[in-house]
Amino acid sequence: MAVGQHCPILQIIGYQNSGKTTLMEKLIAKSSSLGLQTASIKHHGHGGRPSDETVAKDSSRHKRAGAFLSSVEGSGLLQLQASKETWALEDIIDLYQYFHPDLIFVEGYKHAAYPKVVLLRDQKDAWLLEQTTNVFCIISHETMKIPVSVPHFLLQDDEKYLEYIFQKVRKQDE
């Protein structure tokens, strides 16, 4: 395990409407089918506190996919029903350790240091790769030139990228 973590942590990042929540659902469903206790954390990155509607929509999508623990955080409001001035991702992960997950998927938090899957809609989104670290794979909506040398998959190639991601997650757990 990396960075003294109690379980593997994987981030899914990308711009709005790039497919982050849909990919989270696929990853959660796959991990649940493997018998893993999977938790999810979603960052409400659109400014302000997440509305009850946002929490219900995204958190319930994660829960329906198989997450046994799910939360949404934005502007200090953690919708696990805990409030304080701000919530750092590390604080939420520390809290999650109490529940003993096998795996935590994080949607958002572009600048955190955990291993990342980056979703790109088109070539214009590729500059996100210059702003982030610890990218181990890219999933794009279309064929494109990638300015970094990491594995690149097309969005429709579910089986290929899910297999690759879970191989990496298993190695992170060793």
C-alpha atoms as a PDB file:
ATOM      1  CA  MET A   1       0.000   0.000   0.000  1.00  0.00           C
ATOM      2  CA  ALA A   2       1.198   3.481  -0.824  1.00  0.00           C
ATOM      3  CA  VAL A   3       1.545   6.502   1.435  1.00  0.00           C
ATOM      4  CA  GLY A   4       0.629   4.602   4.634  1.00  0.00           C
ATOM      5  CA  GLN A   5      -2.941   3.992   3.471  1.00  0.00           C
ATOM      6  CA  HIS A   6      -5.134   1.320   4.995  1.00  0.00           C
ATOM      7  CA  CYS A   7      -6.590   0.402   1.587  1.00  0.00           C
ATOM      8  CA  PRO A   8      -6.081   1.326  -2.073  1.00  0.00           C
ATOM      9  CA  ILE A   9      -7.432   4.721  -3.128  1.00  0.00           C
ATOM     10  CA  LEU A  10      -8.093   5.625  -6.748  1.00  0.00           C
ATOM     11  CA  GLN A  11      -9.180   9.010  -8.067  1.00  0.00           C
ATOM     12  CA  ILE A  12     -11.310   9.607 -11.142  1.00  0.00           C
ATOM     13  CA  ILE A  13     -10.855  13.098 -12.544  1.00  0.00           C
ATOM     14  CA  GLY A  14     -12.037  15.026 -15.586  1.00  0.00           C
ATOM     15  CA  TYR A  15     -14.049  18.042 -16.530  1.00  0.00           C
ATOM     16  CA  GLN A  16     -17.808  18.323 -16.072  1.00  0.00           C
ATOM     17  CA  ASN A  17     -19.769  15.872 -18.244  1.00  0.00           C
ATOM     18  CA  SER A  18     -16.703  13.776 -19.047  1.00  0.00           C
ATOM     19  CA  GLY A  19     -18.265  10.623 -17.557  1.00  0.00           C
ATOM     20  CA  LYS A  20     -16.748  10.556 -14.062  1.00  0.00           C
ATOM     21  CA  THR A  21     -19.870   9.350 -12.241  1.00  0.00           C
ATOM     22  CA  THR A  22     -20.611   6.741 -14.923  1.00  0.00           C
ATOM     23  CA  LEU A  23     -17.037   5.421 -14.638  1.00  0.00           C
ATOM     24  CA  MET A  24     -17.367   5.412 -10.847  1.00  0.00           C
ATOM     25  CA  GLU A  25     -20.495   3.265 -11.210  1.00  0.00           C
ATOM     26  CA  LYS A  26     -18.632   0.792 -13.426  1.00  0.00           C
ATOM     27  CA  LEU A  27     -15.679   0.597 -11.032  1.00  0.00           C
ATOM     28  CA  ILE A  28     -17.888   0.212  -7.963  1.00  0.00           C
ATOM     29  CA  ALA A  29     -20.002  -2.483  -9.643  1.00  0.00           C
ATOM     30  CA  LYS A  30     -16.877  -4.385 -10.740  1.00  0.00           C
ATOM     31  CA  SER A  31     -15.286  -4.197  -7.292  1.00  0.00           C
ATOM     32  CA  SER A  32     -18.535  -5.286  -5.642  1.00  0.00           C
ATOM     33  CA  SER A  33     -18.754  -8.250  -8.031  1.00  0.00           C
ATOM     34  CA  LEU A  34     -15.260  -9.202  -6.829  1.00  0.00           C
ATOM     35  CA  GLY A  35     -16.526  -9.200  -3.232  1.00  0.00           C
ATOM     36  CA  LEU A  36     -14.759  -5.986  -2.207  1.00  0.00           C
ATOM     37  CA  GLN A  37     -16.247  -3.589   0.330  1.00  0.00           C
ATOM     38  CA  THR A  38     -16.081  -0.420  -1.745  1.00  0.00           C
ATOM     39  CA  ALA A  39     -16.521   3.157  -0.563  1.00  0.00           C
ATOM     40  CA  SER A  40     -16.888   6.309  -2.666  1.00  0.00           C
ATOM     41  CA  ILE A  41     -16.189   9.985  -2.131  1.00  0.00           C
ATOM     42  CA  LYS A  42     -17.481  12.619  -4.543  1.00  0.00           C
ATOM     43  CA  HIS A  43     -16.173  16.170  -4.593  1.00  0.00           C
ATOM     44  CA  HIS A  44     -18.841  18.727  -5.464  1.00  0.00           C
ATOM     45  CA  GLY A  45     -16.479  20.883  -7.488  1.00  0.00           C
ATOM     46  CA  HIS A  46     -19.002  23.359  -8.857  1.00  0.00           C
ATOM     47  CA  GLY A  47     -18.756  25.837  -5.987  1.00  0.00           C
ATOM     48  CA  GLY A  48     -20.889  26.056  -2.902  1.00  0.00           C
ATOM     49  CA  ARG A  49     -22.387  23.319  -0.839  1.00  0.00           C
ATOM     50  CA  PRO A  50     -23.942  20.345  -2.577  1.00  0.00           C
ATOM     51  CA  SER A  51     -27.725  20.500  -2.693  1.00  0.00           C
ATOM     52  CA  ASP A  52     -29.839  17.657  -1.363  1.00  0.00           C
ATOM     53  CA  GLU A  53     -30.700  16.930  -5.000  1.00  0.00           C
ATOM     54  CA  THR A  54     -27.005  16.623  -5.976  1.00  0.00           C
ATOM     55  CA  VAL A  55     -26.284  14.421  -2.990  1.00  0.00           C
ATOM     56  CA  ALA A  56     -29.261  12.207  -3.665  1.00  0.00           C
ATOM     57  CA  LYS A  57     -28.449  11.892  -7.379  1.00  0.00           C
ATOM     58  CA  ASP A  58     -24.714  11.139  -7.252  1.00  0.00           C
ATOM     59  CA  SER A  59     -24.464   9.409  -3.899  1.00  0.00           C
ATOM     60  CA  SER A  60     -27.423   7.170  -4.729  1.00  0.00           C
ATOM     61  CA  ARG A  61     -25.834   6.260  -8.102  1.00  0.00           C
ATOM     62  CA  HIS A  62     -22.740   5.116  -6.200  1.00  0.00           C
ATOM     63  CA  LYS A  63     -24.878   3.215  -3.679  1.00  0.00           C
ATOM     64  CA  ARG A  64     -26.946   1.511  -6.410  1.00  0.00           C
ATOM     65  CA  ALA A  65     -23.697   0.440  -8.088  1.00  0.00           C
ATOM     66  CA  GLY A  66     -22.682  -1.320  -4.867  1.00  0.00           C
ATOM     67  CA  ALA A  67     -20.813   1.154  -2.645  1.00  0.00           C
ATOM     68  CA  PHE A  68     -21.429   0.316   1.001  1.00  0.00           C
ATOM     69  CA  LEU A  69     -20.360   3.829   2.032  1.00  0.00           C
ATOM     70  CA  SER A  70     -20.763   6.968  -0.050  1.00  0.00           C
ATOM     71  CA  SER A  71     -20.422  10.695   0.509  1.00  0.00           C
ATOM     72  CA  VAL A  72     -20.430  14.032  -1.306  1.00  0.00           C
ATOM     73  CA  GLU A  73     -18.310  16.967  -0.077  1.00  0.00           C
ATOM     74  CA  GLY A  74     -18.440  20.629  -1.054  1.00  0.00           C
ATOM     75  CA  SER A  75     -17.569  23.883   0.737  1.00  0.00           C
ATOM     76  CA  GLY A  76     -17.137  22.162   4.085  1.00  0.00           C
ATOM     77  CA  LEU A  77     -20.371  20.158   4.011  1.00  0.00           C
ATOM     78  CA  LEU A  78     -19.760  16.412   4.046  1.00  0.00           C
ATOM     79  CA  GLN A  79     -22.993  14.630   3.219  1.00  0.00           C
ATOM     80  CA  LEU A  80     -22.417  11.788   5.536  1.00  0.00           C
ATOM     81  CA  GLN A  81     -24.100  14.412   7.694  1.00  0.00           C
ATOM     82  CA  ALA A  82     -21.020  15.877   9.337  1.00  0.00           C
ATOM     83  CA  SER A  83     -20.207  19.599   9.147  1.00  0.00           C
ATOM     84  CA  LYS A  84     -17.123  21.596   9.943  1.00  0.00           C
ATOM     85  CA  GLU A  85     -15.459  24.619   8.334  1.00  0.00           C
ATOM     86  CA  THR A  86     -13.649  22.587   5.660  1.00  0.00           C
ATOM     87  CA  TRP A  87     -13.075  18.953   4.814  1.00  0.00           C
ATOM     88  CA  ALA A  88      -9.735  17.968   3.340  1.00  0.00           C
ATOM     89  CA  LEU A  89      -9.785  14.757   1.307  1.00  0.00           C
ATOM     90  CA  GLU A  90      -7.311  13.250   3.786  1.00  0.00           C
ATOM     91  CA  ASP A  91      -9.731  13.948   6.667  1.00  0.00           C
ATOM     92  CA  ILE A  92     -12.535  12.140   4.840  1.00  0.00           C
ATOM     93  CA  ILE A  93     -10.277   9.192   4.063  1.00  0.00           C
ATOM     94  CA  ASP A  94      -9.249   9.035   7.726  1.00  0.00           C
ATOM     95  CA  LEU A  95     -12.942   8.983   8.678  1.00  0.00           C
ATOM     96  CA  TYR A  96     -13.645   6.237   6.135  1.00  0.00           C
ATOM     97  CA  GLN A  97     -10.949   4.012   7.665  1.00  0.00           C
ATOM     98  CA  TYR A  98     -13.304   3.520  10.630  1.00  0.00           C
ATOM     99  CA  PHE A  99     -15.606   1.565   8.277  1.00  0.00           C
ATOM    100  CA  HIS A 100     -12.745  -0.694   7.032  1.00  0.00           C
ATOM    101  CA  PRO A 101     -13.272  -0.465   3.260  1.00  0.00           C
ATOM    102  CA  ASP A 102     -11.270  -2.688   0.930  1.00  0.00           C
ATOM    103  CA  LEU A 103     -11.104   0.077  -1.671  1.00  0.00           C
ATOM    104  CA  ILE A 104     -11.986   3.777  -1.937  1.00  0.00           C
ATOM    105  CA  PHE A 105     -12.872   5.463  -5.220  1.00  0.00           C
ATOM    106  CA  VAL A 106     -12.670   9.251  -5.237  1.00  0.00           C
ATOM    107  CA  GLU A 107     -14.506  11.319  -7.838  1.00  0.00           C
ATOM    108  CA  GLY A 108     -12.820  14.681  -8.268  1.00  0.00           C
ATOM    109  CA  TYR A 109     -10.186  16.443  -6.143  1.00  0.00           C
ATOM    110  CA  LYS A 110      -7.976  16.990  -9.213  1.00  0.00           C
ATOM    111  CA  HIS A 111      -4.970  18.174  -7.206  1.00  0.00           C
ATOM    112  CA  ALA A 112      -4.808  15.412  -4.583  1.00  0.00           C
ATOM    113  CA  ALA A 113      -1.830  13.059  -4.837  1.00  0.00           C
ATOM    114  CA  TYR A 114      -3.545   9.673  -5.159  1.00  0.00           C
ATOM    115  CA  PRO A 115      -3.289   7.545  -8.321  1.00  0.00           C
ATOM    116  CA  LYS A 116      -5.607   8.899 -11.008  1.00  0.00           C
ATOM    117  CA  VAL A 117      -7.634   7.872 -14.002  1.00  0.00           C
ATOM    118  CA  VAL A 118      -8.156  10.951 -16.192  1.00  0.00           C
ATOM    119  CA  LEU A 119     -11.229  11.250 -18.409  1.00  0.00           C
ATOM    120  CA  LEU A 120     -10.890  13.432 -21.512  1.00  0.00           C
ATOM    121  CA  ARG A 121     -13.804  14.408 -23.751  1.00  0.00           C
ATOM    122  CA  ASP A 122     -11.672  15.782 -26.602  1.00  0.00           C
ATOM    123  CA  GLN A 123      -8.249  17.232 -27.431  1.00  0.00           C
ATOM    124  CA  LYS A 124      -9.081  20.532 -25.659  1.00  0.00           C
ATOM    125  CA  ASP A 125      -9.284  18.639 -22.341  1.00  0.00           C
ATOM    126  CA  ALA A 126      -5.740  17.260 -22.720  1.00  0.00           C
ATOM    127  CA  TRP A 127      -4.235  20.259 -20.929  1.00  0.00           C
ATOM    128  CA  LEU A 128      -5.666  18.780 -17.709  1.00  0.00           C
ATOM    129  CA  LEU A 129      -2.761  16.330 -17.907  1.00  0.00           C
ATOM    130  CA  GLU A 130      -0.318  19.210 -17.397  1.00  0.00           C
ATOM    131  CA  GLN A 131      -2.093  20.261 -14.191  1.00  0.00           C
ATOM    132  CA  THR A 132      -2.182  16.954 -12.381  1.00  0.00           C
ATOM    133  CA  THR A 133       0.156  14.296 -11.029  1.00  0.00           C
ATOM    134  CA  ASN A 134       0.156  10.534 -10.505  1.00  0.00           C
ATOM    135  CA  VAL A 135      -1.825   9.690 -13.660  1.00  0.00           C
ATOM    136  CA  PHE A 136      -1.717   5.984 -14.425  1.00  0.00           C
ATOM    137  CA  CYS A 137      -4.230   5.867 -17.258  1.00  0.00           C
ATOM    138  CA  ILE A 138      -6.328   8.025 -19.531  1.00  0.00           C
ATOM    139  CA  ILE A 139      -9.760   7.258 -20.910  1.00  0.00           C
ATOM    140  CA  SER A 140     -10.955   9.448 -23.771  1.00  0.00           C
ATOM    141  CA  HIS A 141     -14.182   9.809 -25.687  1.00  0.00           C
ATOM    142  CA  GLU A 142     -12.304   9.895 -29.008  1.00  0.00           C
ATOM    143  CA  THR A 143      -8.931   8.979 -30.474  1.00  0.00           C
ATOM    144  CA  MET A 144      -6.489  11.762 -29.682  1.00  0.00           C
ATOM    145  CA  LYS A 145      -2.839  12.657 -29.257  1.00  0.00           C
ATOM    146  CA  ILE A 146      -1.808  12.275 -25.633  1.00  0.00           C
ATOM    147  CA  PRO A 147       1.139  14.427 -24.451  1.00  0.00           C
ATOM    148  CA  VAL A 148       2.236  11.948 -21.748  1.00  0.00           C
ATOM    149  CA  SER A 149       3.241   8.313 -21.952  1.00  0.00           C
ATOM    150  CA  VAL A 150       0.651   6.471 -19.892  1.00  0.00           C
ATOM    151  CA  PRO A 151      -1.820   3.846 -21.074  1.00  0.00           C
ATOM    152  CA  HIS A 152      -4.695   5.347 -23.062  1.00  0.00           C
ATOM    153  CA  PHE A 153      -8.076   3.708 -23.624  1.00  0.00           C
ATOM    154  CA  LEU A 154     -11.201   4.712 -25.505  1.00  0.00           C
ATOM    155  CA  LEU A 155     -14.361   5.126 -23.444  1.00  0.00           C
ATOM    156  CA  GLN A 156     -16.160   2.310 -25.260  1.00  0.00           C
ATOM    157  CA  ASP A 157     -13.382  -0.204 -24.385  1.00  0.00           C
ATOM    158  CA  ASP A 158     -14.818  -0.980 -20.924  1.00  0.00           C
ATOM    159  CA  GLU A 159     -13.344  -4.456 -20.594  1.00  0.00           C
ATOM    160  CA  LYS A 160      -9.812  -3.333 -21.438  1.00  0.00           C
ATOM    161  CA  TYR A 161      -9.603  -0.372 -19.078  1.00  0.00           C
ATOM    162  CA  LEU A 162     -11.487  -2.069 -16.231  1.00  0.00           C
ATOM    163  CA  GLU A 163      -9.064  -5.001 -16.381  1.00  0.00           C
ATOM    164  CA  TYR A 164      -6.074  -2.623 -16.441  1.00  0.00           C
ATOM    165  CA  ILE A 165      -7.404  -0.511 -13.555  1.00  0.00           C
ATOM    166  CA  PHE A 166      -8.102  -3.526 -11.350  1.00  0.00           C
ATOM    167  CA  GLN A 167      -4.652  -4.952 -12.030  1.00  0.00           C
ATOM    168  CA  LYS A 168      -3.201  -1.630 -10.809  1.00  0.00           C
ATOM    169  CA  VAL A 169      -5.498  -1.543  -7.772  1.00  0.00           C
ATOM    170  CA  ARG A 170      -4.444  -5.078  -6.780  1.00  0.00           C
ATOM    171  CA  LYS A 171      -0.760  -4.083  -7.026  1.00  0.00           C
ATOM    172  CA  GLN A 172      -1.418  -0.984  -4.910  1.00  0.00           C
ATOM    173  CA  ASP A 173      -2.906  -3.251  -2.217  1.00  0.00           C
ATOM    174  CA  GLU A 174       0.216  -5.431  -1.977  1.00  0.00           C
END
